[in-house]
C-alpha atoms as a PDB file:
ATOM      1  CA  MET A   1      20.050 -10.537  11.833  1.00  0.00           C
ATOM      2  CA  GLN A   2      19.804 -10.329   7.915  1.00  0.00           C
ATOM      3  CA  LYS A   3      17.357  -7.740   6.683  1.00  0.00           C
ATOM      4  CA  ILE A   4      14.612  -8.745   4.129  1.00  0.00           C
ATOM      5  CA  ILE A   5      11.887  -7.184   2.193  1.00  0.00           C
ATOM      6  CA  VAL A   6       8.289  -7.977   3.327  1.00  0.00           C
ATOM      7  CA  ALA A   7       5.759  -7.383   0.688  1.00  0.00           C
ATOM      8  CA  VAL A   8       1.883  -6.864   1.967  1.00  0.00           C
ATOM      9  CA  ASP A   9      -0.551  -7.096  -0.864  1.00  0.00           C
ATOM     10  CA  GLY A  10      -4.353  -7.362  -0.667  1.00  0.00           C
ATOM     11  CA  TYR A  11      -7.752  -5.460  -0.892  1.00  0.00           C
ATOM     12  CA  SER A  12      -8.657  -2.263   0.231  1.00  0.00           C
ATOM     13  CA  GLY A  13     -10.132  -1.922   3.843  1.00  0.00           C
ATOM     14  CA  CYS A  14      -8.427  -5.410   4.943  1.00  0.00           C
ATOM     15  CA  GLY A  15      -6.109  -3.496   7.689  1.00  0.00           C
ATOM     16  CA  LYS A  16      -2.968  -4.246   5.711  1.00  0.00           C
ATOM     17  CA  SER A  17      -1.604  -0.895   6.062  1.00  0.00           C
ATOM     18  CA  THR A  18      -2.153  -0.813   9.733  1.00  0.00           C
ATOM     19  CA  THR A  19      -0.448  -4.229  10.054  1.00  0.00           C
ATOM     20  CA  ALA A  20       2.446  -3.251   7.719  1.00  0.00           C
ATOM     21  CA  LYS A  21       3.119  -0.180   9.969  1.00  0.00           C
ATOM     22  CA  ALA A  22       3.155  -2.155  13.128  1.00  0.00           C
ATOM     23  CA  VAL A  23       5.261  -4.828  11.696  1.00  0.00           C
ATOM     24  CA  ALA A  24       7.772  -2.032  10.589  1.00  0.00           C
ATOM     25  CA  ASN A  25       7.929  -0.730  13.815  1.00  0.00           C
ATOM     26  CA  ALA A  26       8.352  -4.215  15.755  1.00  0.00           C
ATOM     27  CA  LEU A  27      10.892  -5.234  13.224  1.00  0.00           C
ATOM     28  CA  HIS A  28      12.565  -1.527  13.038  1.00  0.00           C
ATOM     29  CA  TYR A  29      11.947  -1.507   9.277  1.00  0.00           C
ATOM     30  CA  THR A  30      11.260   1.513   6.885  1.00  0.00           C
ATOM     31  CA  TYR A  31       7.297   1.550   6.376  1.00  0.00           C
ATOM     32  CA  ILE A  32       6.275   2.472   2.731  1.00  0.00           C
ATOM     33  CA  ASP A  33       2.777   2.920   1.933  1.00  0.00           C
ATOM     34  CA  THR A  34       2.578   2.510  -1.798  1.00  0.00           C
ATOM     35  CA  GLY A  35      -1.125   3.366  -1.536  1.00  0.00           C
ATOM     36  CA  ALA A  36      -0.500   6.772  -0.409  1.00  0.00           C
ATOM     37  CA  MET A  37       1.884   7.446  -3.365  1.00  0.00           C
ATOM     38  CA  TYR A  38      -0.983   6.649  -5.676  1.00  0.00           C
ATOM     39  CA  ARG A  39      -3.281   8.867  -3.694  1.00  0.00           C
ATOM     40  CA  ALA A  40      -1.236  11.669  -3.912  1.00  0.00           C
ATOM     41  CA  VAL A  41      -0.737  11.396  -7.573  1.00  0.00           C
ATOM     42  CA  THR A  42      -4.791  11.324  -7.714  1.00  0.00           C
ATOM     43  CA  LEU A  43      -4.793  14.594  -5.612  1.00  0.00           C
ATOM     44  CA  TYR A  44      -2.457  15.992  -7.855  1.00  0.00           C
ATOM     45  CA  PHE A  45      -4.386  14.981 -11.064  1.00  0.00           C
ATOM     46  CA  HIS A  46      -7.635  16.271  -9.527  1.00  0.00           C
ATOM     47  CA  ASP A  47      -6.479  19.618  -8.498  1.00  0.00           C
ATOM     48  CA  HIS A  48      -4.509  20.231 -11.761  1.00  0.00           C
ATOM     49  CA  TYR A  49      -7.600  18.948 -13.749  1.00  0.00           C
ATOM     50  CA  ILE A  50      -5.663  16.395 -15.771  1.00  0.00           C
ATOM     51  CA  GLU A  51      -7.258  14.352 -18.167  1.00  0.00           C
ATOM     52  CA  LEU A  52      -6.525  10.571 -17.755  1.00  0.00           C
ATOM     53  CA  ASN A  53      -6.955   9.614 -21.445  1.00  0.00           C
ATOM     54  CA  HIS A  54      -4.307  12.304 -22.306  1.00  0.00           C
ATOM     55  CA  LYS A  55      -1.063  10.547 -22.513  1.00  0.00           C
ATOM     56  CA  ARG A  56       1.105  13.468 -22.706  1.00  0.00           C
ATOM     57  CA  GLU A  57      -0.681  15.619 -19.937  1.00  0.00           C
ATOM     58  CA  VAL A  58      -0.561  12.569 -17.809  1.00  0.00           C
ATOM     59  CA  GLN A  59       3.208  12.295 -18.553  1.00  0.00           C
ATOM     60  CA  ARG A  60       3.996  15.862 -17.871  1.00  0.00           C
ATOM     61  CA  ALA A  61       2.128  15.932 -14.640  1.00  0.00           C
ATOM     62  CA  LEU A  62       4.150  12.907 -13.284  1.00  0.00           C
ATOM     63  CA  ASP A  63       7.371  14.884 -14.310  1.00  0.00           C
ATOM     64  CA  ASP A  64       6.066  17.650 -11.859  1.00  0.00           C
ATOM     65  CA  ILE A  65       5.259  15.310  -8.871  1.00  0.00           C
ATOM     66  CA  ASN A  66       7.558  14.729  -6.121  1.00  0.00           C
ATOM     67  CA  ILE A  67       6.116  12.320  -3.204  1.00  0.00           C
ATOM     68  CA  SER A  68       8.192  11.971  -0.099  1.00  0.00           C
ATOM     69  CA  PHE A  69       7.484  10.370   3.397  1.00  0.00           C
ATOM     70  CA  VAL A  70       8.233  12.388   6.675  1.00  0.00           C
ATOM     71  CA  TYR A  71       7.962  10.730  10.138  1.00  0.00           C
ATOM     72  CA  ASN A  72       5.889  12.604  12.432  1.00  0.00           C
ATOM     73  CA  GLU A  73       7.442  12.486  15.975  1.00  0.00           C
ATOM     74  CA  LYS A  74       4.261  13.524  17.679  1.00  0.00           C
ATOM     75  CA  LEU A  75       1.931  11.220  15.990  1.00  0.00           C
ATOM     76  CA  SER A  76       4.423   8.306  15.785  1.00  0.00           C
ATOM     77  CA  ARG A  77       3.890   7.682  12.087  1.00  0.00           C
ATOM     78  CA  PRO A  78       5.194   8.630   8.651  1.00  0.00           C
ATOM     79  CA  GLU A  79       3.011  11.254   6.622  1.00  0.00           C
ATOM     80  CA  THR A  80       2.870  11.692   2.867  1.00  0.00           C
ATOM     81  CA  TYR A  81       4.208  14.989   1.480  1.00  0.00           C
ATOM     82  CA  LEU A  82       3.271  15.867  -2.320  1.00  0.00           C
ATOM     83  CA  ASN A  83       5.896  18.702  -3.727  1.00  0.00           C
ATOM     84  CA  GLY A  84       6.641  19.624  -0.170  1.00  0.00           C
ATOM     85  CA  ASN A  85       3.202  19.624   1.312  1.00  0.00           C
ATOM     86  CA  ASN A  86       1.760  17.686   3.980  1.00  0.00           C
ATOM     87  CA  VAL A  87      -1.343  15.543   2.203  1.00  0.00           C
ATOM     88  CA  GLU A  88      -1.877  12.844   4.544  1.00  0.00           C
ATOM     89  CA  GLU A  89      -5.376  13.905   5.610  1.00  0.00           C
ATOM     90  CA  GLU A  90      -6.470  14.979   2.378  1.00  0.00           C
ATOM     91  CA  ILE A  91      -5.601  11.838   0.370  1.00  0.00           C
ATOM     92  CA  ARG A  92      -7.635   9.909   2.641  1.00  0.00           C
ATOM     93  CA  LYS A  93     -11.007  11.484   1.802  1.00  0.00           C
ATOM     94  CA  MET A  94     -13.809   9.496  -0.138  1.00  0.00           C
ATOM     95  CA  TYR A  95     -13.265  11.713  -3.328  1.00  0.00           C
ATOM     96  CA  ILE A  96      -9.718  10.152  -3.583  1.00  0.00           C
ATOM     97  CA  SER A  97     -10.706   6.696  -2.699  1.00  0.00           C
ATOM     98  CA  ASN A  98     -13.737   7.055  -5.654  1.00  0.00           C
ATOM     99  CA  ASN A  99     -10.997   7.845  -8.068  1.00  0.00           C
ATOM    100  CA  VAL A 100      -7.662   6.486  -6.889  1.00  0.00           C
ATOM    101  CA  SER A 101      -7.958   2.936  -8.640  1.00  0.00           C
ATOM    102  CA  GLN A 102      -8.561   4.515 -12.238  1.00  0.00           C
ATOM    103  CA  VAL A 103      -5.427   6.682 -11.805  1.00  0.00           C
ATOM    104  CA  SER A 104      -3.295   3.754 -10.465  1.00  0.00           C
ATOM    105  CA  ALA A 105      -4.471   1.571 -13.542  1.00  0.00           C
ATOM    106  CA  LEU A 106      -2.635   3.894 -15.889  1.00  0.00           C
ATOM    107  CA  PRO A 107       0.494   2.322 -17.138  1.00  0.00           C
ATOM    108  CA  GLU A 108       2.390   5.830 -17.034  1.00  0.00           C
ATOM    109  CA  VAL A 109       1.411   6.252 -13.322  1.00  0.00           C
ATOM    110  CA  ARG A 110       2.465   2.686 -12.457  1.00  0.00           C
ATOM    111  CA  TYR A 111       5.673   2.768 -14.312  1.00  0.00           C
ATOM    112  CA  ALA A 112       6.780   5.952 -12.455  1.00  0.00           C
ATOM    113  CA  LEU A 113       5.774   5.125  -9.039  1.00  0.00           C
ATOM    114  CA  VAL A 114       7.156   1.507  -9.331  1.00  0.00           C
ATOM    115  CA  ALA A 115      10.533   2.755 -10.364  1.00  0.00           C
ATOM    116  CA  GLN A 116      10.501   4.989  -7.140  1.00  0.00           C
ATOM    117  CA  GLN A 117       9.294   2.049  -4.851  1.00  0.00           C
ATOM    118  CA  GLN A 118      12.187   0.090  -6.012  1.00  0.00           C
ATOM    119  CA  LYS A 119      14.879   2.629  -5.451  1.00  0.00           C
ATOM    120  CA  MET A 120      13.192   2.925  -1.912  1.00  0.00           C
ATOM    121  CA  GLY A 121      13.064  -0.779  -0.886  1.00  0.00           C
ATOM    122  CA  LYS A 122      16.188  -2.065  -2.778  1.00  0.00           C
ATOM    123  CA  ARG A 123      18.462  -2.065   0.176  1.00  0.00           C
ATOM    124  CA  GLY A 124      16.081  -4.146   2.296  1.00  0.00           C
ATOM    125  CA  GLY A 125      14.840  -3.594   5.621  1.00  0.00           C
ATOM    126  CA  VAL A 126      11.452  -2.503   4.299  1.00  0.00           C
ATOM    127  CA  VAL A 127       8.049  -3.415   4.668  1.00  0.00           C
ATOM    128  CA  MET A 128       6.122  -1.869   1.573  1.00  0.00           C
ATOM    129  CA  ASP A 129       2.128  -2.541   1.176  1.00  0.00           C
ATOM    130  CA  GLY A 130      -0.010  -2.287  -1.912  1.00  0.00           C
ATOM    131  CA  ARG A 131      -1.325  -4.080  -4.758  1.00  0.00           C
ATOM    132  CA  ASP A 132       1.398  -5.500  -6.828  1.00  0.00           C
ATOM    133  CA  ILE A 133       4.482  -5.223  -4.270  1.00  0.00           C
ATOM    134  CA  GLY A 134       4.994  -9.035  -4.440  1.00  0.00           C
ATOM    135  CA  THR A 135       4.326  -9.645  -8.127  1.00  0.00           C
ATOM    136  CA  LYS A 136       5.699  -6.307  -9.768  1.00  0.00           C
ATOM    137  CA  VAL A 137       7.685  -4.119  -7.325  1.00  0.00           C
ATOM    138  CA  PHE A 138       9.629  -6.886  -5.529  1.00  0.00           C
ATOM    139  CA  PRO A 139       8.702 -10.193  -7.200  1.00  0.00           C
ATOM    140  CA  ASP A 140      12.189 -11.594  -5.146  1.00  0.00           C
ATOM    141  CA  ALA A 141      10.737 -10.473  -1.818  1.00  0.00           C
ATOM    142  CA  GLU A 142      11.759 -12.742   0.899  1.00  0.00           C
ATOM    143  CA  LEU A 143       8.323 -12.568   2.682  1.00  0.00           C
ATOM    144  CA  LYS A 144       4.857 -12.105   0.683  1.00  0.00           C
ATOM    145  CA  ILE A 145       1.579 -11.592   2.269  1.00  0.00           C
ATOM    146  CA  PHE A 146      -1.670 -11.488   0.756  1.00  0.00           C
ATOM    147  CA  VAL A 147      -4.361  -9.769   3.061  1.00  0.00           C
ATOM    148  CA  THR A 148      -8.250 -10.296   2.252  1.00  0.00           C
ATOM    149  CA  ALA A 149     -11.249  -9.934   4.535  1.00  0.00           C
ATOM    150  CA  ASP A 150     -14.992 -10.190   4.118  1.00  0.00           C
ATOM    151  CA  ILE A 151     -16.276  -7.143   2.241  1.00  0.00           C
ATOM    152  CA  ASN A 152     -18.946  -6.214   4.726  1.00  0.00           C
ATOM    153  CA  ILE A 153     -16.533  -6.339   7.668  1.00  0.00           C
ATOM    154  CA  ARG A 154     -14.001  -4.043   5.201  1.00  0.00           C
ATOM    155  CA  ALA A 155     -16.812  -1.607   4.947  1.00  0.00           C
ATOM    156  CA  GLN A 156     -17.615  -1.460   8.512  1.00  0.00           C
ATOM    157  CA  ARG A 157     -13.934  -0.719   9.230  1.00  0.00           C
ATOM    158  CA  ARG A 158     -13.645   1.752   6.581  1.00  0.00           C
ATOM    159  CA  GLN A 159     -16.775   3.782   7.982  1.00  0.00           C
ATOM    160  CA  GLN A 160     -15.378   3.639  11.339  1.00  0.00           C
ATOM    161  CA  GLU A 161     -11.982   5.208   9.939  1.00  0.00           C
ATOM    162  CA  LEU A 162     -13.668   7.852   7.853  1.00  0.00           C
ATOM    163  CA  LEU A 163     -16.004   8.721  11.094  1.00  0.00           C
ATOM    164  CA  GLY A 164     -12.824   9.266  13.110  1.00  0.00           C
ATOM    165  CA  LYS A 165     -11.891  11.972  10.737  1.00  0.00           C
ATOM    166  CA  ASN A 166     -15.522  13.565  10.727  1.00  0.00           C
ATOM    167  CA  GLN A 167     -16.398  12.102   7.392  1.00  0.00           C
ATOM    168  CA  LEU A 168     -19.926  10.573   7.564  1.00  0.00           C
ATOM    169  CA  VAL A 169     -20.424   8.070   4.401  1.00  0.00           C
ATOM    170  CA  PRO A 170     -23.151   5.889   3.942  1.00  0.00           C
ATOM    171  CA  PHE A 171     -22.318   2.290   4.271  1.00  0.00           C
ATOM    172  CA  ASP A 172     -23.777   0.837   0.915  1.00  0.00           C
ATOM    173  CA  GLU A 173     -21.693   3.773  -0.649  1.00  0.00           C
ATOM    174  CA  ILE A 174     -18.530   2.428   0.931  1.00  0.00           C
ATOM    175  CA  VAL A 175     -19.381  -1.217  -0.317  1.00  0.00           C
ATOM    176  CA  GLU A 176     -19.921   0.030  -3.575  1.00  0.00           C
ATOM    177  CA  ASN A 177     -16.578   1.858  -3.487  1.00  0.00           C
ATOM    178  CA  LEU A 178     -14.909  -1.258  -2.323  1.00  0.00           C
ATOM    179  CA  LYS A 179     -16.383  -3.353  -4.947  1.00  0.00           C
ATOM    180  CA  MET A 180     -15.446  -0.947  -7.793  1.00  0.00           C
ATOM    181  CA  ARG A 181     -11.821  -0.535  -6.527  1.00  0.00           C
ATOM    182  CA  ASP A 182     -11.742  -4.619  -5.965  1.00  0.00           C
ATOM    183  CA  TYR A 183     -12.757  -4.837  -9.964  1.00  0.00           C
ATOM    184  CA  ILE A 184     -10.440  -2.287 -11.267  1.00  0.00           C
ATOM    185  CA  ASP A 185      -7.432  -3.377  -9.194  1.00  0.00           C
ATOM    186  CA  SER A 186      -7.924  -6.900 -10.335  1.00  0.00           C
ATOM    187  CA  SER A 187      -8.937  -6.466 -13.854  1.00  0.00           C
ATOM    188  CA  ARG A 188      -6.313  -3.643 -15.103  1.00  0.00           C
ATOM    189  CA  ALA A 189      -4.087  -4.824 -17.594  1.00  0.00           C
ATOM    190  CA  GLU A 190      -1.012  -3.234 -16.047  1.00  0.00           C
ATOM    191  CA  SER A 191       0.089  -4.922 -12.905  1.00  0.00           C
ATOM    192  CA  PRO A 192      -3.397  -6.269 -11.510  1.00  0.00           C
ATOM    193  CA  LEU A 193      -3.825  -7.172  -7.930  1.00  0.00           C
ATOM    194  CA  LEU A 194      -3.074 -10.685  -7.841  1.00  0.00           C
ATOM    195  CA  LYS A 195      -2.022 -13.202  -5.027  1.00  0.00           C
ATOM    196  CA  ALA A 196       1.781 -14.120  -5.613  1.00  0.00           C
ATOM    197  CA  VAL A 197       2.102 -17.954  -5.804  1.00  0.00           C
ATOM    198  CA  GLU A 198       4.488 -18.087  -2.727  1.00  0.00           C
ATOM    199  CA  ALA A 199       2.508 -15.557  -0.587  1.00  0.00           C
ATOM    200  CA  PHE A 200       0.973 -16.518   2.720  1.00  0.00           C
ATOM    201  CA  GLU A 201      -2.771 -15.537   2.695  1.00  0.00           C
ATOM    202  CA  LEU A 202      -3.845 -13.537   5.847  1.00  0.00           C
ATOM    203  CA  ASP A 203      -7.417 -13.347   6.185  1.00  0.00           C
ATOM    204  CA  THR A 204      -8.165 -10.479   8.889  1.00  0.00           C
ATOM    205  CA  SER A 205     -11.976 -10.852   9.057  1.00  0.00           C
ATOM    206  CA  TYR A 206     -11.969 -12.340  12.762  1.00  0.00           C
ATOM    207  CA  LEU A 207      -8.508 -11.246  13.856  1.00  0.00           C
ATOM    208  CA  SER A 208      -7.327  -8.370  15.863  1.00  0.00           C
ATOM    209  CA  ILE A 209      -4.655  -6.103  14.871  1.00  0.00           C
ATOM    210  CA  ASP A 210      -2.093  -7.910  17.424  1.00  0.00           C
ATOM    211  CA  GLU A 211      -2.925 -11.348  15.960  1.00  0.00           C
ATOM    212  CA  GLN A 212      -2.420 -10.145  12.394  1.00  0.00           C
ATOM    213  CA  VAL A 213       1.083  -8.465  13.561  1.00  0.00           C
ATOM    214  CA  GLU A 214       1.871 -11.617  15.593  1.00  0.00           C
ATOM    215  CA  TYR A 215       1.559 -13.838  12.610  1.00  0.00           C
ATOM    216  CA  VAL A 216       3.589 -11.405  10.092  1.00  0.00           C
ATOM    217  CA  ILE A 217       6.290 -10.921  12.217  1.00  0.00           C
ATOM    218  CA  HIS A 218       6.521 -14.791  13.104  1.00  0.00           C
ATOM    219  CA  LEU A 219       7.027 -15.332   9.260  1.00  0.00           C
ATOM    220  CA  ALA A 220       9.453 -12.433   9.027  1.00  0.00           C
ATOM    221  CA  THR A 221      11.567 -13.806  11.758  1.00  0.00           C
ATOM    222  CA  ASP A 222      11.827 -17.414  10.132  1.00  0.00           C
ATOM    223  CA  LYS A 223      12.892 -15.793   6.844  1.00  0.00           C
ATOM    224  CA  MET A 224      15.456 -13.769   8.358  1.00  0.00           C
ATOM    225  CA  LEU A 225      16.819 -16.724   9.961  1.00  0.00           C
ATOM    226  CA  HIS A 226      16.691 -18.795   6.969  1.00  0.00           C
ATOM    227  CA  LYS A 227      18.466 -15.608   5.115  1.00  0.00           C
ATOM    228  CA  HIS A 228      21.196 -15.328   7.629  1.00  0.00           C
ATOM    229  CA  ARG A 229      21.884 -19.200   7.697  1.00  0.00           C
ATOM    230  CA  GLU A 230      22.259 -19.036   3.829  1.00  0.00           C
ATOM    231  CA  ASN A 231      24.716 -16.407   4.100  1.00  0.00           C
ATOM    232  CA  SER A 232      26.601 -17.833   6.693  1.00  0.00           C
ATOM    233  CA  LEU A 233      27.167 -21.058   4.368  1.00  0.00           C
ATOM    234  CA  LEU A 234      28.330 -18.611   1.757  1.00  0.00           C
ATOM    235  CA  ASP A 235      31.040 -17.027   3.702  1.00  0.00           C
END
């Protein structure tokens, strides 16, 4: 079967990462969490007191950042490493969520990470989720999914996720954080969050994870068969 690129974009808290991971596992594809990459940069900037309005300082910091993913066999998931250190748990904390949209809006940050993401996925066989995968990183991706959900449901999911990590955050604070991130992600000048014209919209408000995964796998299988037929005609 011909390998394709599956680009999954959408708002924070819609379940796109969970769905993307499960789809990648089912297809035996590589999963790349671009959101984790921006969170790792945010953590580095926070820990090193990088001023976001100082372009040279930002660029110097980016030159010192190395992000990689290492598969954790015990947990059956890839984990994010920043300069050789496992930061998977730290980058999911609320103080990172409160700042990641501002960091990811910086052109210098996006240029650096988009280049890395394109290199990671250029051979296909990847499921990549983020905010601009289908519009900027891989505009020619064979399958594009745009994930959305009701904001109150998104906030409930995020609160449960944080509780599972022993982080108690008020519901209203999470709603405001999501609204702020939606606004920044959608209105930034560099690679704003947009639904690609050819993207399939997936509203996860009232769907189970299994239903979301089944929907994407069905579309992916159709795209893979189509690509196989096209290549067969060219041979």
